[in-house]
């Protein structure tokens, strides 16, 4: 294998350096946009501002039950409901196969942790973060929400939900710094590019479907 030949002239080396800098800036621009958009909107459970709805994003199942990362998100959502910060919880995740149902697993977990059934709404077509945000606004009529996810994902969720029409603040759930956390952090670097494209182009979600009244009914219930 032949080694790449480096520029021999000062002008060539300068152009090569400028190219590397330009590529680096372009690669980091989406992540910079994400962090700038999120700004001061990331909070803890205790200081999260009030909103009608909490949106909890799926994070995988283990043997049909929420993964530890997802369980931590649901614990935070249950705490937000108990504190009166939110009045309903929208759980959004993947149910593209009959043997994999994130929203029902999330709903069952919240029920066991004190959130009433009438206050939990399920979105079974939240296949990715953009779809979840877009459907929350377009299908479920959510205009204002507190988003719940791990710290490495919450800024992307905030940027996308705000682009989708949901005025959002976020709760960044603490996570153990393990292999999953490291993978999630690296994944966000690459996911930022797609997020920027989604925010700019605002494509339809994979499944749009008719308007659903679940959130409206949950908020109207005074019990």
Foldseek 3Di string as FASTA:
>chain_A
DDDDDQDDDPVSNVVVVVVVVVVVCVLCVLVVVLCVLQDPQEDALVPHAADAEEEEEADDDDVQAGDPQSLLLLVSRLSNCVVVSYQAYEYEYEDPDVVHFRQVNSLVSSVVSDDDNLRYHYHHQCHDLLQSLLQCCQAANAQEYEYTGAPLCFSLSCLNNVLNRHNYGYYHGYDDPDPVVVVSNVVSSVVSVVSVVCSVVVDHGPDHDHHDHSSVSSSPDPD
